[in-house]
C-alpha atoms as a PDB file:
ATOM      1  CA  MET A   1      74.204 105.460 117.007  1.00  0.00           C
ATOM      2  CA  ALA A   2      76.413 106.945 119.739  1.00  0.00           C
ATOM      3  CA  ARG A   3      79.528 105.391 118.229  1.00  0.00           C
ATOM      4  CA  PHE A   4      78.781 107.224 114.955  1.00  0.00           C
ATOM      5  CA  LEU A   5      77.986 110.610 116.580  1.00  0.00           C
ATOM      6  CA  PRO A   6      80.378 111.377 119.471  1.00  0.00           C
ATOM      7  CA  ALA A   7      79.436 113.897 122.159  1.00  0.00           C
ATOM      8  CA  LEU A   8      80.741 117.475 121.905  1.00  0.00           C
ATOM      9  CA  SER A   9      82.694 119.287 124.644  1.00  0.00           C
ATOM     10  CA  GLN A  10      82.942 123.083 124.748  1.00  0.00           C
ATOM     11  CA  ALA A  11      86.529 122.967 123.472  1.00  0.00           C
ATOM     12  CA  GLY A  12      85.502 120.546 120.757  1.00  0.00           C
ATOM     13  CA  LEU A  13      82.694 122.860 119.679  1.00  0.00           C
ATOM     14  CA  LYS A  14      85.087 125.808 119.371  1.00  0.00           C
ATOM     15  CA  THR A  15      87.491 123.716 117.315  1.00  0.00           C
ATOM     16  CA  ARG A  16      84.695 122.638 114.995  1.00  0.00           C
ATOM     17  CA  LEU A  17      83.521 126.215 114.529  1.00  0.00           C
ATOM     18  CA  ALA A  18      87.082 127.258 113.688  1.00  0.00           C
ATOM     19  CA  LEU A  19      87.317 124.341 111.253  1.00  0.00           C
ATOM     20  CA  LEU A  20      84.059 125.336 109.576  1.00  0.00           C
ATOM     21  CA  GLY A  21      85.008 129.016 109.328  1.00  0.00           C
ATOM     22  CA  LEU A  22      88.433 128.300 107.846  1.00  0.00           C
ATOM     23  CA  SER A  23      86.876 125.843 105.395  1.00  0.00           C
ATOM     24  CA  VAL A  24      84.504 128.485 104.052  1.00  0.00           C
ATOM     25  CA  VAL A  25      87.294 131.057 103.703  1.00  0.00           C
ATOM     26  CA  PHE A  26      89.722 128.683 101.991  1.00  0.00           C
ATOM     27  CA  ALA A  27      87.101 127.205  99.649  1.00  0.00           C
ATOM     28  CA  TRP A  28      85.893 130.685  98.672  1.00  0.00           C
ATOM     29  CA  ALA A  29      89.459 131.856  97.966  1.00  0.00           C
ATOM     30  CA  LEU A  30      90.250 128.766  95.898  1.00  0.00           C
ATOM     31  CA  GLU A  31      86.999 129.149  93.946  1.00  0.00           C
ATOM     32  CA  LEU A  32      87.947 132.753  93.132  1.00  0.00           C
ATOM     33  CA  ALA A  33      91.320 131.503  91.920  1.00  0.00           C
ATOM     34  CA  GLN A  34      89.520 128.839  89.803  1.00  0.00           C
ATOM     35  CA  VAL A  35      91.505 126.041  91.463  1.00  0.00           C
ATOM     36  CA  PRO A  36      90.028 122.609  90.622  1.00  0.00           C
ATOM     37  CA  ALA A  37      88.296 120.709  93.452  1.00  0.00           C
ATOM     38  CA  ALA A  38      88.195 123.916  95.540  1.00  0.00           C
ATOM     39  CA  LEU A  39      85.225 122.708  97.591  1.00  0.00           C
ATOM     40  CA  LEU A  40      87.242 119.707  98.721  1.00  0.00           C
ATOM     41  CA  LEU A  41      90.683 121.311  98.956  1.00  0.00           C
ATOM     42  CA  GLY A  42      89.390 124.221 101.085  1.00  0.00           C
ATOM     43  CA  PRO A  43      88.141 122.002 103.935  1.00  0.00           C
ATOM     44  CA  MET A  44      91.221 119.817 103.573  1.00  0.00           C
ATOM     45  CA  LEU A  45      93.523 122.835 104.027  1.00  0.00           C
ATOM     46  CA  ALA A  46      91.427 123.967 106.992  1.00  0.00           C
ATOM     47  CA  GLY A  47      91.826 120.538 108.553  1.00  0.00           C
ATOM     48  CA  ILE A  48      95.598 120.716 108.050  1.00  0.00           C
ATOM     49  CA  VAL A  49      95.748 124.119 109.783  1.00  0.00           C
ATOM     50  CA  ILE A  50      93.691 122.876 112.738  1.00  0.00           C
ATOM     51  CA  ALA A  51      95.709 119.654 113.068  1.00  0.00           C
ATOM     52  CA  ALA A  52      99.059 121.444 112.784  1.00  0.00           C
ATOM     53  CA  SER A  53      98.005 123.914 115.485  1.00  0.00           C
ATOM     54  CA  GLY A  54      97.227 121.105 117.926  1.00  0.00           C
ATOM     55  CA  GLY A  55      93.471 120.779 117.422  1.00  0.00           C
ATOM     56  CA  ASP A  56      92.045 117.289 117.236  1.00  0.00           C
ATOM     57  CA  PRO A  57      88.305 117.318 116.514  1.00  0.00           C
ATOM     58  CA  THR A  58      86.811 113.867 116.052  1.00  0.00           C
ATOM     59  CA  LEU A  59      84.568 113.639 113.022  1.00  0.00           C
ATOM     60  CA  PRO A  60      81.277 111.750 113.426  1.00  0.00           C
ATOM     61  CA  ARG A  61      81.506 108.537 111.440  1.00  0.00           C
ATOM     62  CA  LEU A  62      78.004 108.371 109.994  1.00  0.00           C
ATOM     63  CA  PRO A  63      78.162 111.713 108.090  1.00  0.00           C
ATOM     64  CA  LEU A  64      81.600 110.705 106.807  1.00  0.00           C
ATOM     65  CA  PHE A  65      80.264 107.384 105.505  1.00  0.00           C
ATOM     66  CA  LEU A  66      77.360 109.209 103.846  1.00  0.00           C
ATOM     67  CA  ALA A  67      79.761 111.730 102.293  1.00  0.00           C
ATOM     68  CA  GLN A  68      81.846 108.905 100.842  1.00  0.00           C
ATOM     69  CA  ALA A  69      78.645 107.399  99.430  1.00  0.00           C
ATOM     70  CA  VAL A  70      77.873 110.721  97.711  1.00  0.00           C
ATOM     71  CA  VAL A  71      81.342 110.622  96.112  1.00  0.00           C
ATOM     72  CA  GLY A  72      80.529 107.129  94.839  1.00  0.00           C
ATOM     73  CA  CYS A  73      77.276 108.414  93.329  1.00  0.00           C
ATOM     74  CA  LEU A  74      79.141 111.320  91.734  1.00  0.00           C
ATOM     75  CA  ILE A  75      81.463 108.924  89.924  1.00  0.00           C
ATOM     76  CA  ALA A  76      78.557 106.638  89.004  1.00  0.00           C
ATOM     77  CA  ARG A  77      76.751 109.610  87.425  1.00  0.00           C
ATOM     78  CA  SER A  78      79.355 109.710  84.650  1.00  0.00           C
ATOM     79  CA  PHE A  79      78.226 106.252  83.434  1.00  0.00           C
ATOM     80  CA  THR A  80      75.743 107.453  80.844  1.00  0.00           C
ATOM     81  CA  PRO A  81      74.435 105.311  77.957  1.00  0.00           C
ATOM     82  CA  SER A  82      76.475 107.415  75.487  1.00  0.00           C
ATOM     83  CA  LEU A  83      79.645 106.813  77.492  1.00  0.00           C
ATOM     84  CA  VAL A  84      78.988 103.079  77.672  1.00  0.00           C
ATOM     85  CA  GLY A  85      78.382 103.072  73.914  1.00  0.00           C
ATOM     86  CA  ALA A  86      81.681 104.848  73.265  1.00  0.00           C
ATOM     87  CA  MET A  87      83.538 102.346  75.437  1.00  0.00           C
ATOM     88  CA  ALA A  88      81.923  99.382  73.676  1.00  0.00           C
ATOM     89  CA  ARG A  89      82.656 100.825  70.222  1.00  0.00           C
ATOM     90  CA  ASP A  90      86.363 101.608  70.737  1.00  0.00           C
ATOM     91  CA  TRP A  91      87.349  99.136  73.464  1.00  0.00           C
ATOM     92  CA  PRO A  92      90.642  97.922  71.864  1.00  0.00           C
ATOM     93  CA  LEU A  93      91.838 101.519  71.598  1.00  0.00           C
ATOM     94  CA  PHE A  94      90.769 102.248  75.158  1.00  0.00           C
ATOM     95  CA  LEU A  95      92.495  99.185  76.571  1.00  0.00           C
ATOM     96  CA  ALA A  96      95.779 100.038  74.835  1.00  0.00           C
ATOM     97  CA  ALA A  97      95.732 103.645  76.062  1.00  0.00           C
ATOM     98  CA  ILE A  98      94.708 102.647  79.598  1.00  0.00           C
ATOM     99  CA  ALA A  99      97.390  99.962  79.817  1.00  0.00           C
ATOM    100  CA  GLY A 100     100.094 102.377  78.695  1.00  0.00           C
ATOM    101  CA  VAL A 101      99.217 105.088  81.213  1.00  0.00           C
ATOM    102  CA  LEU A 102      98.783 102.556  84.008  1.00  0.00           C
ATOM    103  CA  LEU A 103     102.160 100.916  83.378  1.00  0.00           C
ATOM    104  CA  VAL A 104     103.953 104.263  83.431  1.00  0.00           C
ATOM    105  CA  SER A 105     102.229 105.370  86.643  1.00  0.00           C
ATOM    106  CA  VAL A 106     103.086 102.087  88.386  1.00  0.00           C
ATOM    107  CA  ALA A 107     106.701 102.369  87.200  1.00  0.00           C
ATOM    108  CA  LEU A 108     106.938 105.881  88.668  1.00  0.00           C
ATOM    109  CA  GLY A 109     105.414 104.655  91.925  1.00  0.00           C
ATOM    110  CA  TRP A 110     107.890 101.767  92.021  1.00  0.00           C
ATOM    111  CA  LEU A 111     110.780 104.184  91.428  1.00  0.00           C
ATOM    112  CA  MET A 112     109.740 106.446  94.315  1.00  0.00           C
ATOM    113  CA  ALA A 113     109.353 103.433  96.584  1.00  0.00           C
ATOM    114  CA  ARG A 114     112.697 102.051  95.409  1.00  0.00           C
ATOM    115  CA  LEU A 115     114.392 105.369  96.252  1.00  0.00           C
ATOM    116  CA  ARG A 116     112.790 105.195  99.717  1.00  0.00           C
ATOM    117  CA  LEU A 117     110.909 108.446  99.172  1.00  0.00           C
ATOM    118  CA  LEU A 118     107.601 106.820 100.086  1.00  0.00           C
ATOM    119  CA  PRO A 119     106.340 103.452 101.349  1.00  0.00           C
ATOM    120  CA  GLY A 120     105.573 101.063  98.490  1.00  0.00           C
ATOM    121  CA  THR A 121     101.771 101.019  98.680  1.00  0.00           C
ATOM    122  CA  ALA A 122     101.513 104.791  99.255  1.00  0.00           C
ATOM    123  CA  ALA A 123     103.826 105.471  96.294  1.00  0.00           C
ATOM    124  CA  VAL A 124     101.704 103.366  93.929  1.00  0.00           C
ATOM    125  CA  TRP A 125      98.309 104.619  95.143  1.00  0.00           C
ATOM    126  CA  GLY A 126      99.581 108.185  94.948  1.00  0.00           C
ATOM    127  CA  SER A 127     100.812 107.642  91.378  1.00  0.00           C
ATOM    128  CA  PHE A 128      97.588 106.096  90.071  1.00  0.00           C
ATOM    129  CA  PRO A 129      95.922 108.427  87.528  1.00  0.00           C
ATOM    130  CA  GLY A 130      92.403 107.908  88.824  1.00  0.00           C
ATOM    131  CA  ALA A 131      89.791 110.006  90.598  1.00  0.00           C
ATOM    132  CA  ALA A 132      91.835 111.617  93.380  1.00  0.00           C
ATOM    133  CA  THR A 133      89.224 111.364  96.130  1.00  0.00           C
ATOM    134  CA  ALA A 134      88.419 107.747  95.284  1.00  0.00           C
ATOM    135  CA  MET A 135      92.113 106.798  95.172  1.00  0.00           C
ATOM    136  CA  THR A 136      92.721 108.417  98.568  1.00  0.00           C
ATOM    137  CA  LEU A 137      89.783 106.656 100.209  1.00  0.00           C
ATOM    138  CA  MET A 138      90.682 103.299  98.696  1.00  0.00           C
ATOM    139  CA  ALA A 139      94.335 103.685  99.672  1.00  0.00           C
ATOM    140  CA  GLU A 140      93.314 104.109 103.308  1.00  0.00           C
ATOM    141  CA  ALA A 141      91.033 101.084 103.103  1.00  0.00           C
ATOM    142  CA  TYR A 142      93.925  98.956 101.829  1.00  0.00           C
ATOM    143  CA  GLY A 143      96.383 100.102 104.491  1.00  0.00           C
ATOM    144  CA  ALA A 144      98.381 102.843 102.735  1.00  0.00           C
ATOM    145  CA  ASP A 145      99.203 106.169 104.419  1.00  0.00           C
ATOM    146  CA  MET A 146      96.226 108.322 103.430  1.00  0.00           C
ATOM    147  CA  ARG A 147      98.114 111.573 104.036  1.00  0.00           C
ATOM    148  CA  LEU A 148     100.920 110.829 101.593  1.00  0.00           C
ATOM    149  CA  VAL A 149      98.502 109.517  98.980  1.00  0.00           C
ATOM    150  CA  ALA A 150      96.316 112.626  99.311  1.00  0.00           C
ATOM    151  CA  PHE A 151      99.366 114.881  98.948  1.00  0.00           C
ATOM    152  CA  MET A 152     100.404 113.157  95.708  1.00  0.00           C
ATOM    153  CA  GLN A 153      96.900 112.848  94.277  1.00  0.00           C
ATOM    154  CA  TYR A 154      95.799 116.448  94.799  1.00  0.00           C
ATOM    155  CA  LEU A 155      99.121 117.878  93.670  1.00  0.00           C
ATOM    156  CA  ARG A 156      98.622 115.818  90.500  1.00  0.00           C
ATOM    157  CA  VAL A 157      95.079 117.167  90.091  1.00  0.00           C
ATOM    158  CA  LEU A 158      96.368 120.724  90.367  1.00  0.00           C
ATOM    159  CA  LEU A 159      99.279 120.297  87.931  1.00  0.00           C
ATOM    160  CA  VAL A 160      97.274 118.257  85.416  1.00  0.00           C
ATOM    161  CA  SER A 161      94.424 120.786  85.453  1.00  0.00           C
ATOM    162  CA  LEU A 162      96.795 123.707  84.910  1.00  0.00           C
ATOM    163  CA  VAL A 163      98.545 121.980  81.997  1.00  0.00           C
ATOM    164  CA  ALA A 164      95.265 120.753  80.443  1.00  0.00           C
ATOM    165  CA  SER A 165      93.744 124.235  80.686  1.00  0.00           C
ATOM    166  CA  LEU A 166      96.812 125.717  79.002  1.00  0.00           C
ATOM    167  CA  VAL A 167      96.734 123.108  76.213  1.00  0.00           C
ATOM    168  CA  ALA A 168      92.988 123.675  75.675  1.00  0.00           C
ATOM    169  CA  ARG A 169      93.472 127.448  75.441  1.00  0.00           C
ATOM    170  CA  LEU A 170      96.357 127.076  73.010  1.00  0.00           C
ATOM    171  CA  GLY A 171      94.332 124.649  70.905  1.00  0.00           C
ATOM    172  CA  THR A 172      91.148 126.762  70.826  1.00  0.00           C
ATOM    173  CA  HIS A 173      90.033 130.338  71.251  1.00  0.00           C
ATOM    174  CA  THR A 174      87.797 129.681  74.237  1.00  0.00           C
ATOM    175  CA  THR A 175      88.232 131.820  77.326  1.00  0.00           C
ATOM    176  CA  GLY A 176      87.640 128.986  79.734  1.00  0.00           C
ATOM    177  CA  THR A 177      85.119 130.954  81.815  1.00  0.00           C
ATOM    178  CA  THR A 178      82.142 129.203  83.319  1.00  0.00           C
ATOM    179  CA  ALA A 179      78.810 130.418  84.598  1.00  0.00           C
ATOM    180  CA  SER A 180      78.425 130.964  88.329  1.00  0.00           C
ATOM    181  CA  MET A 181      77.115 127.947  90.189  1.00  0.00           C
ATOM    182  CA  ALA A 182      73.464 127.762  91.214  1.00  0.00           C
ATOM    183  CA  TRP A 183      73.648 126.283  94.710  1.00  0.00           C
ATOM    184  CA  PHE A 184      69.941 125.436  94.998  1.00  0.00           C
ATOM    185  CA  PRO A 185      68.689 124.536  91.507  1.00  0.00           C
ATOM    186  CA  PRO A 186      65.250 122.998  90.931  1.00  0.00           C
ATOM    187  CA  LEU A 187      65.309 119.305  91.786  1.00  0.00           C
ATOM    188  CA  ALA A 188      63.897 116.325  89.944  1.00  0.00           C
ATOM    189  CA  TRP A 189      62.441 114.826  93.108  1.00  0.00           C
ATOM    190  CA  LEU A 190      62.074 111.191  92.048  1.00  0.00           C
ATOM    191  CA  PRO A 191      65.700 110.846  90.817  1.00  0.00           C
ATOM    192  CA  PHE A 192      66.828 112.746  93.924  1.00  0.00           C
ATOM    193  CA  ALA A 193      64.972 110.338  96.197  1.00  0.00           C
ATOM    194  CA  GLU A 194      66.486 107.382  94.327  1.00  0.00           C
ATOM    195  CA  THR A 195      69.943 108.939  94.671  1.00  0.00           C
ATOM    196  CA  LEU A 196      69.425 109.404  98.413  1.00  0.00           C
ATOM    197  CA  ALA A 197      68.521 105.718  98.621  1.00  0.00           C
ATOM    198  CA  LEU A 198      71.871 104.900  97.005  1.00  0.00           C
ATOM    199  CA  VAL A 199      73.630 107.196  99.476  1.00  0.00           C
ATOM    200  CA  ALA A 200      71.857 105.490 102.392  1.00  0.00           C
ATOM    201  CA  LEU A 201      72.874 102.108 100.971  1.00  0.00           C
ATOM    202  CA  GLY A 202      76.508 103.126 101.129  1.00  0.00           C
ATOM    203  CA  GLY A 203      76.358 105.061 104.388  1.00  0.00           C
ATOM    204  CA  PHE A 204      74.399 102.582 106.489  1.00  0.00           C
ATOM    205  CA  LEU A 205      74.894  99.157 104.912  1.00  0.00           C
ATOM    206  CA  ALA A 206      78.450  99.227 103.536  1.00  0.00           C
ATOM    207  CA  PRO A 207      80.212  99.831 106.899  1.00  0.00           C
ATOM    208  CA  ARG A 208      78.627  96.602 108.153  1.00  0.00           C
ATOM    209  CA  LEU A 209      80.072  94.617 105.232  1.00  0.00           C
ATOM    210  CA  ALA A 210      83.691  93.527 104.919  1.00  0.00           C
ATOM    211  CA  ILE A 211      84.291  95.637 101.795  1.00  0.00           C
ATOM    212  CA  PRO A 212      87.301  97.997 101.705  1.00  0.00           C
ATOM    213  CA  ALA A 213      86.060 101.549 100.955  1.00  0.00           C
ATOM    214  CA  GLY A 214      82.574 100.022 100.721  1.00  0.00           C
ATOM    215  CA  SER A 215      80.798 103.281 101.597  1.00  0.00           C
ATOM    216  CA  MET A 216      82.024 104.669  98.283  1.00  0.00           C
ATOM    217  CA  LEU A 217      82.258 101.521  96.167  1.00  0.00           C
ATOM    218  CA  LEU A 218      78.791 100.093  96.832  1.00  0.00           C
ATOM    219  CA  PRO A 219      76.886 103.173  95.539  1.00  0.00           C
ATOM    220  CA  LEU A 220      79.445 103.512  92.735  1.00  0.00           C
ATOM    221  CA  VAL A 221      78.903  99.980  91.429  1.00  0.00           C
ATOM    222  CA  VAL A 222      75.111  99.881  91.879  1.00  0.00           C
ATOM    223  CA  GLY A 223      74.636 103.451  90.665  1.00  0.00           C
ATOM    224  CA  GLY A 224      76.988 102.951  87.725  1.00  0.00           C
ATOM    225  CA  LEU A 225      75.071  99.908  86.521  1.00  0.00           C
ATOM    226  CA  LEU A 226      71.712 101.686  86.810  1.00  0.00           C
ATOM    227  CA  SER A 227      72.991 104.924  85.271  1.00  0.00           C
ATOM    228  CA  GLY A 228      74.813 103.165  82.438  1.00  0.00           C
ATOM    229  CA  THR A 229      71.658 101.338  81.389  1.00  0.00           C
ATOM    230  CA  GLY A 230      69.514 104.467  81.661  1.00  0.00           C
ATOM    231  CA  ALA A 231      67.466 103.044  84.553  1.00  0.00           C
ATOM    232  CA  LEU A 232      68.507 105.822  86.936  1.00  0.00           C
ATOM    233  CA  ALA A 233      69.365 109.494  86.558  1.00  0.00           C
ATOM    234  CA  ILE A 234      71.558 110.383  89.534  1.00  0.00           C
ATOM    235  CA  GLU A 235      70.594 113.788  90.974  1.00  0.00           C
ATOM    236  CA  LEU A 236      73.269 115.515  93.089  1.00  0.00           C
ATOM    237  CA  PRO A 237      72.587 119.188  93.853  1.00  0.00           C
ATOM    238  CA  PRO A 238      75.654 121.417  94.456  1.00  0.00           C
ATOM    239  CA  TRP A 239      74.828 121.978  98.136  1.00  0.00           C
ATOM    240  CA  LEU A 240      74.884 118.230  98.806  1.00  0.00           C
ATOM    241  CA  LEU A 241      78.197 117.852  96.986  1.00  0.00           C
ATOM    242  CA  ALA A 242      79.685 120.777  98.941  1.00  0.00           C
ATOM    243  CA  VAL A 243      78.747 119.255 102.303  1.00  0.00           C
ATOM    244  CA  SER A 244      80.071 115.849 101.247  1.00  0.00           C
ATOM    245  CA  TYR A 245      83.329 117.320  99.947  1.00  0.00           C
ATOM    246  CA  ALA A 246      83.755 119.124 103.268  1.00  0.00           C
ATOM    247  CA  PHE A 247      83.535 115.936 105.312  1.00  0.00           C
ATOM    248  CA  VAL A 248      85.899 114.065 103.005  1.00  0.00           C
ATOM    249  CA  GLY A 249      88.330 116.991 102.987  1.00  0.00           C
ATOM    250  CA  TRP A 250      88.263 117.232 106.787  1.00  0.00           C
ATOM    251  CA  SER A 251      88.848 113.498 107.165  1.00  0.00           C
ATOM    252  CA  ILE A 252      92.043 113.885 105.118  1.00  0.00           C
ATOM    253  CA  GLY A 253      93.332 117.211 106.407  1.00  0.00           C
ATOM    254  CA  LEU A 254      92.936 116.465 110.106  1.00  0.00           C
ATOM    255  CA  ARG A 255      95.500 113.659 109.802  1.00  0.00           C
ATOM    256  CA  PHE A 256      98.345 116.028 108.861  1.00  0.00           C
ATOM    257  CA  ASP A 257     100.420 116.740 111.952  1.00  0.00           C
ATOM    258  CA  ARG A 258     103.625 118.788 111.946  1.00  0.00           C
ATOM    259  CA  ALA A 259     105.865 115.777 111.387  1.00  0.00           C
ATOM    260  CA  ILE A 260     104.059 114.653 108.226  1.00  0.00           C
ATOM    261  CA  LEU A 261     103.959 118.249 106.924  1.00  0.00           C
ATOM    262  CA  GLY A 262     107.738 118.461 107.211  1.00  0.00           C
ATOM    263  CA  HIS A 263     108.088 115.161 105.360  1.00  0.00           C
ATOM    264  CA  VAL A 264     105.711 116.316 102.612  1.00  0.00           C
ATOM    265  CA  ALA A 265     107.637 119.582 102.156  1.00  0.00           C
ATOM    266  CA  ARG A 266     110.865 117.671 101.582  1.00  0.00           C
ATOM    267  CA  LEU A 267     109.136 115.409  99.040  1.00  0.00           C
ATOM    268  CA  LEU A 268     107.542 118.218  97.001  1.00  0.00           C
ATOM    269  CA  PRO A 269     110.226 118.711  94.289  1.00  0.00           C
ATOM    270  CA  ARG A 270     110.606 115.003  93.534  1.00  0.00           C
ATOM    271  CA  VAL A 271     106.892 114.249  93.571  1.00  0.00           C
ATOM    272  CA  ALA A 272     106.238 117.232  91.283  1.00  0.00           C
ATOM    273  CA  ALA A 273     108.931 115.965  88.899  1.00  0.00           C
ATOM    274  CA  SER A 274     107.266 112.528  88.877  1.00  0.00           C
ATOM    275  CA  ILE A 275     103.859 114.054  88.082  1.00  0.00           C
ATOM    276  CA  LEU A 276     105.265 116.224  85.280  1.00  0.00           C
ATOM    277  CA  THR A 277     106.952 113.117  83.838  1.00  0.00           C
ATOM    278  CA  LEU A 278     103.600 111.293  83.847  1.00  0.00           C
ATOM    279  CA  ILE A 279     101.929 114.274  82.142  1.00  0.00           C
ATOM    280  CA  ALA A 280     104.624 114.305  79.450  1.00  0.00           C
ATOM    281  CA  VAL A 281     104.337 110.548  78.819  1.00  0.00           C
ATOM    282  CA  CYS A 282     100.542 110.825  78.570  1.00  0.00           C
ATOM    283  CA  GLY A 283     101.076 113.596  76.041  1.00  0.00           C
ATOM    284  CA  GLY A 284     103.161 111.126  74.054  1.00  0.00           C
ATOM    285  CA  PHE A 285     100.297 108.613  74.136  1.00  0.00           C
ATOM    286  CA  ALA A 286      98.011 111.382  72.840  1.00  0.00           C
ATOM    287  CA  VAL A 287     100.344 111.869  69.877  1.00  0.00           C
ATOM    288  CA  LEU A 288     100.138 108.138  69.143  1.00  0.00           C
ATOM    289  CA  LEU A 289      96.327 108.261  69.257  1.00  0.00           C
ATOM    290  CA  HIS A 290      96.359 111.165  66.813  1.00  0.00           C
ATOM    291  CA  VAL A 291      98.836 109.577  64.401  1.00  0.00           C
ATOM    292  CA  PHE A 292      97.603 105.979  64.386  1.00  0.00           C
ATOM    293  CA  ALA A 293      93.894 106.283  65.279  1.00  0.00           C
ATOM    294  CA  GLY A 294      93.052 109.631  63.707  1.00  0.00           C
ATOM    295  CA  ILE A 295      91.793 111.200  66.960  1.00  0.00           C
ATOM    296  CA  ASP A 296      92.017 114.979  66.872  1.00  0.00           C
ATOM    297  CA  PRO A 297      94.946 116.224  69.016  1.00  0.00           C
ATOM    298  CA  LEU A 298      92.984 118.061  71.730  1.00  0.00           C
ATOM    299  CA  THR A 299      90.537 115.178  72.210  1.00  0.00           C
ATOM    300  CA  ALA A 300      93.450 112.738  72.423  1.00  0.00           C
ATOM    301  CA  TYR A 301      95.305 114.883  74.945  1.00  0.00           C
ATOM    302  CA  LEU A 302      92.331 115.391  77.262  1.00  0.00           C
ATOM    303  CA  ALA A 303      91.393 111.705  77.015  1.00  0.00           C
ATOM    304  CA  THR A 304      94.870 110.519  78.042  1.00  0.00           C
ATOM    305  CA  SER A 305      95.453 113.292  80.597  1.00  0.00           C
ATOM    306  CA  PRO A 306      96.157 111.607  83.979  1.00  0.00           C
ATOM    307  CA  GLY A 307      93.149 112.994  85.897  1.00  0.00           C
ATOM    308  CA  GLY A 308      91.334 114.364  87.643  1.00  0.00           C
ATOM    309  CA  ALA A 309      88.320 113.326  85.673  1.00  0.00           C
ATOM    310  CA  ASP A 310      86.049 116.072  87.001  1.00  0.00           C
ATOM    311  CA  SER A 311      88.347 118.943  86.018  1.00  0.00           C
ATOM    312  CA  VAL A 312      89.069 117.315  82.643  1.00  0.00           C
ATOM    313  CA  ALA A 313      85.301 117.028  82.094  1.00  0.00           C
ATOM    314  CA  ILE A 314      84.875 120.764  82.727  1.00  0.00           C
ATOM    315  CA  ILE A 315      87.680 121.640  80.312  1.00  0.00           C
ATOM    316  CA  ALA A 316      86.355 119.223  77.684  1.00  0.00           C
ATOM    317  CA  ALA A 317      82.810 120.611  77.949  1.00  0.00           C
ATOM    318  CA  SER A 318      84.065 124.106  77.062  1.00  0.00           C
ATOM    319  CA  SER A 319      86.275 122.917  74.168  1.00  0.00           C
ATOM    320  CA  PRO A 320      85.491 121.603  70.662  1.00  0.00           C
ATOM    321  CA  VAL A 321      86.341 117.963  71.448  1.00  0.00           C
ATOM    322  CA  ASP A 322      84.642 114.563  71.448  1.00  0.00           C
ATOM    323  CA  VAL A 323      83.412 114.691  75.055  1.00  0.00           C
ATOM    324  CA  PRO A 324      82.018 111.097  75.196  1.00  0.00           C
ATOM    325  CA  PHE A 325      85.390 109.756  73.978  1.00  0.00           C
ATOM    326  CA  VAL A 326      87.295 111.825  76.542  1.00  0.00           C
ATOM    327  CA  MET A 327      85.093 110.761  79.447  1.00  0.00           C
ATOM    328  CA  ALA A 328      84.923 107.130  78.295  1.00  0.00           C
ATOM    329  CA  LEU A 329      88.714 106.829  78.392  1.00  0.00           C
ATOM    330  CA  GLN A 330      88.952 108.659  81.730  1.00  0.00           C
ATOM    331  CA  THR A 331      86.215 106.501  83.264  1.00  0.00           C
ATOM    332  CA  GLY A 332      87.529 103.263  81.765  1.00  0.00           C
ATOM    333  CA  ARG A 333      90.936 103.935  83.272  1.00  0.00           C
ATOM    334  CA  PHE A 334      89.371 104.499  86.670  1.00  0.00           C
ATOM    335  CA  LEU A 335      87.479 101.196  86.411  1.00  0.00           C
ATOM    336  CA  VAL A 336      90.650  99.293  85.549  1.00  0.00           C
ATOM    337  CA  ILE A 337      92.478 100.847  88.511  1.00  0.00           C
ATOM    338  CA  LEU A 338      89.504  99.992  90.705  1.00  0.00           C
ATOM    339  CA  LEU A 339      89.872  96.338  89.726  1.00  0.00           C
ATOM    340  CA  VAL A 340      93.653  95.899  89.678  1.00  0.00           C
ATOM    341  CA  GLY A 341      94.897  98.755  91.887  1.00  0.00           C
ATOM    342  CA  PRO A 342      95.043  96.889  95.221  1.00  0.00           C
ATOM    343  CA  SER A 343      96.893  93.940  93.677  1.00  0.00           C
ATOM    344  CA  LEU A 344      99.371  96.197  91.881  1.00  0.00           C
ATOM    345  CA  ALA A 345     100.092  98.192  95.046  1.00  0.00           C
ATOM    346  CA  ARG A 346     100.752  95.030  97.056  1.00  0.00           C
ATOM    347  CA  PHE A 347     102.907  93.571  94.265  1.00  0.00           C
ATOM    348  CA  VAL A 348     105.114  96.660  94.076  1.00  0.00           C
ATOM    349  CA  ALA A 349     105.416  96.831  97.884  1.00  0.00           C
ATOM    350  CA  ARG A 350     106.546  93.175  98.000  1.00  0.00           C
ATOM    351  CA  ARG A 351     109.057  93.677  95.184  1.00  0.00           C
ATOM    352  CA  VAL A 352     110.567  96.740  96.831  1.00  0.00           C
ATOM    353  CA  ALA A 353     110.761  94.972 100.187  1.00  0.00           C
ATOM    354  CA  ALA A 354     112.446  91.973  98.562  1.00  0.00           C
END
């Protein structure tokens, strides 16, 4: 257990307290600004500040593994019977839309690698339109630079969310406001206990198996199968998600030293242009879905929007759209990337190197 929970020095304790305090302040400010994924981005920004100022707190490994397992359960929770039914009913349409978005994202990643803006694997993982946290964790497990991937993924989440919110407001008369979060809602104790068992499966067992990103993937696969068949209702209270997001955000942010921050600043205009290009192409796919499949325009746009799935889900829930269709396409795309992403990243890296 000692290798999972390192001892604390006095200096280390002060650094951790500073990290915690900054995380609360940043997350609160981002929540007020209605920035998507604020509970993860706040701790990540705090970690960047601490790392750039010379602090180097070592995170205990066991809580980090458990936090990654919670992220896996969060993704698995989206696999509801209605979503599985929508995917089974319209699978040819889903496959065509997923293939189109995936090909464009890989092409953009290849272009950035070809121009020597980013290493090949980091460019492709950063361009994948999947769940940002999952893509970042998997990229690290497969040897890509986690910092560059996180920079690309969370910039994409921010830009996509802003554009999707604007499109939803133009297409409807909703205000986009949401009710304040209840941090400690009543719990369904049996589903919560079953969810904690899934988290323990990922946090304790997966690190002992030779599975890349296993702490996240094992609960995701097992939980997704059980949730999709209706055998399990995954219960994740907001306080548990907040703590898990904090550990994942810290694990990313603390890797950003001054050198990588300077590199990221130079990359910002070109990476933003790449993301806006992907958003525009996905908008074109939405037009095709509307014209040839009869999907209403707003549903088609949100379904093809290149992530993040959680912010798109929030926008879809407050708009008059086919929510199961939107989430089925978003989730199906993530599953395809989960299966073929590592091979595609290696293929592009080899082609660029050749």
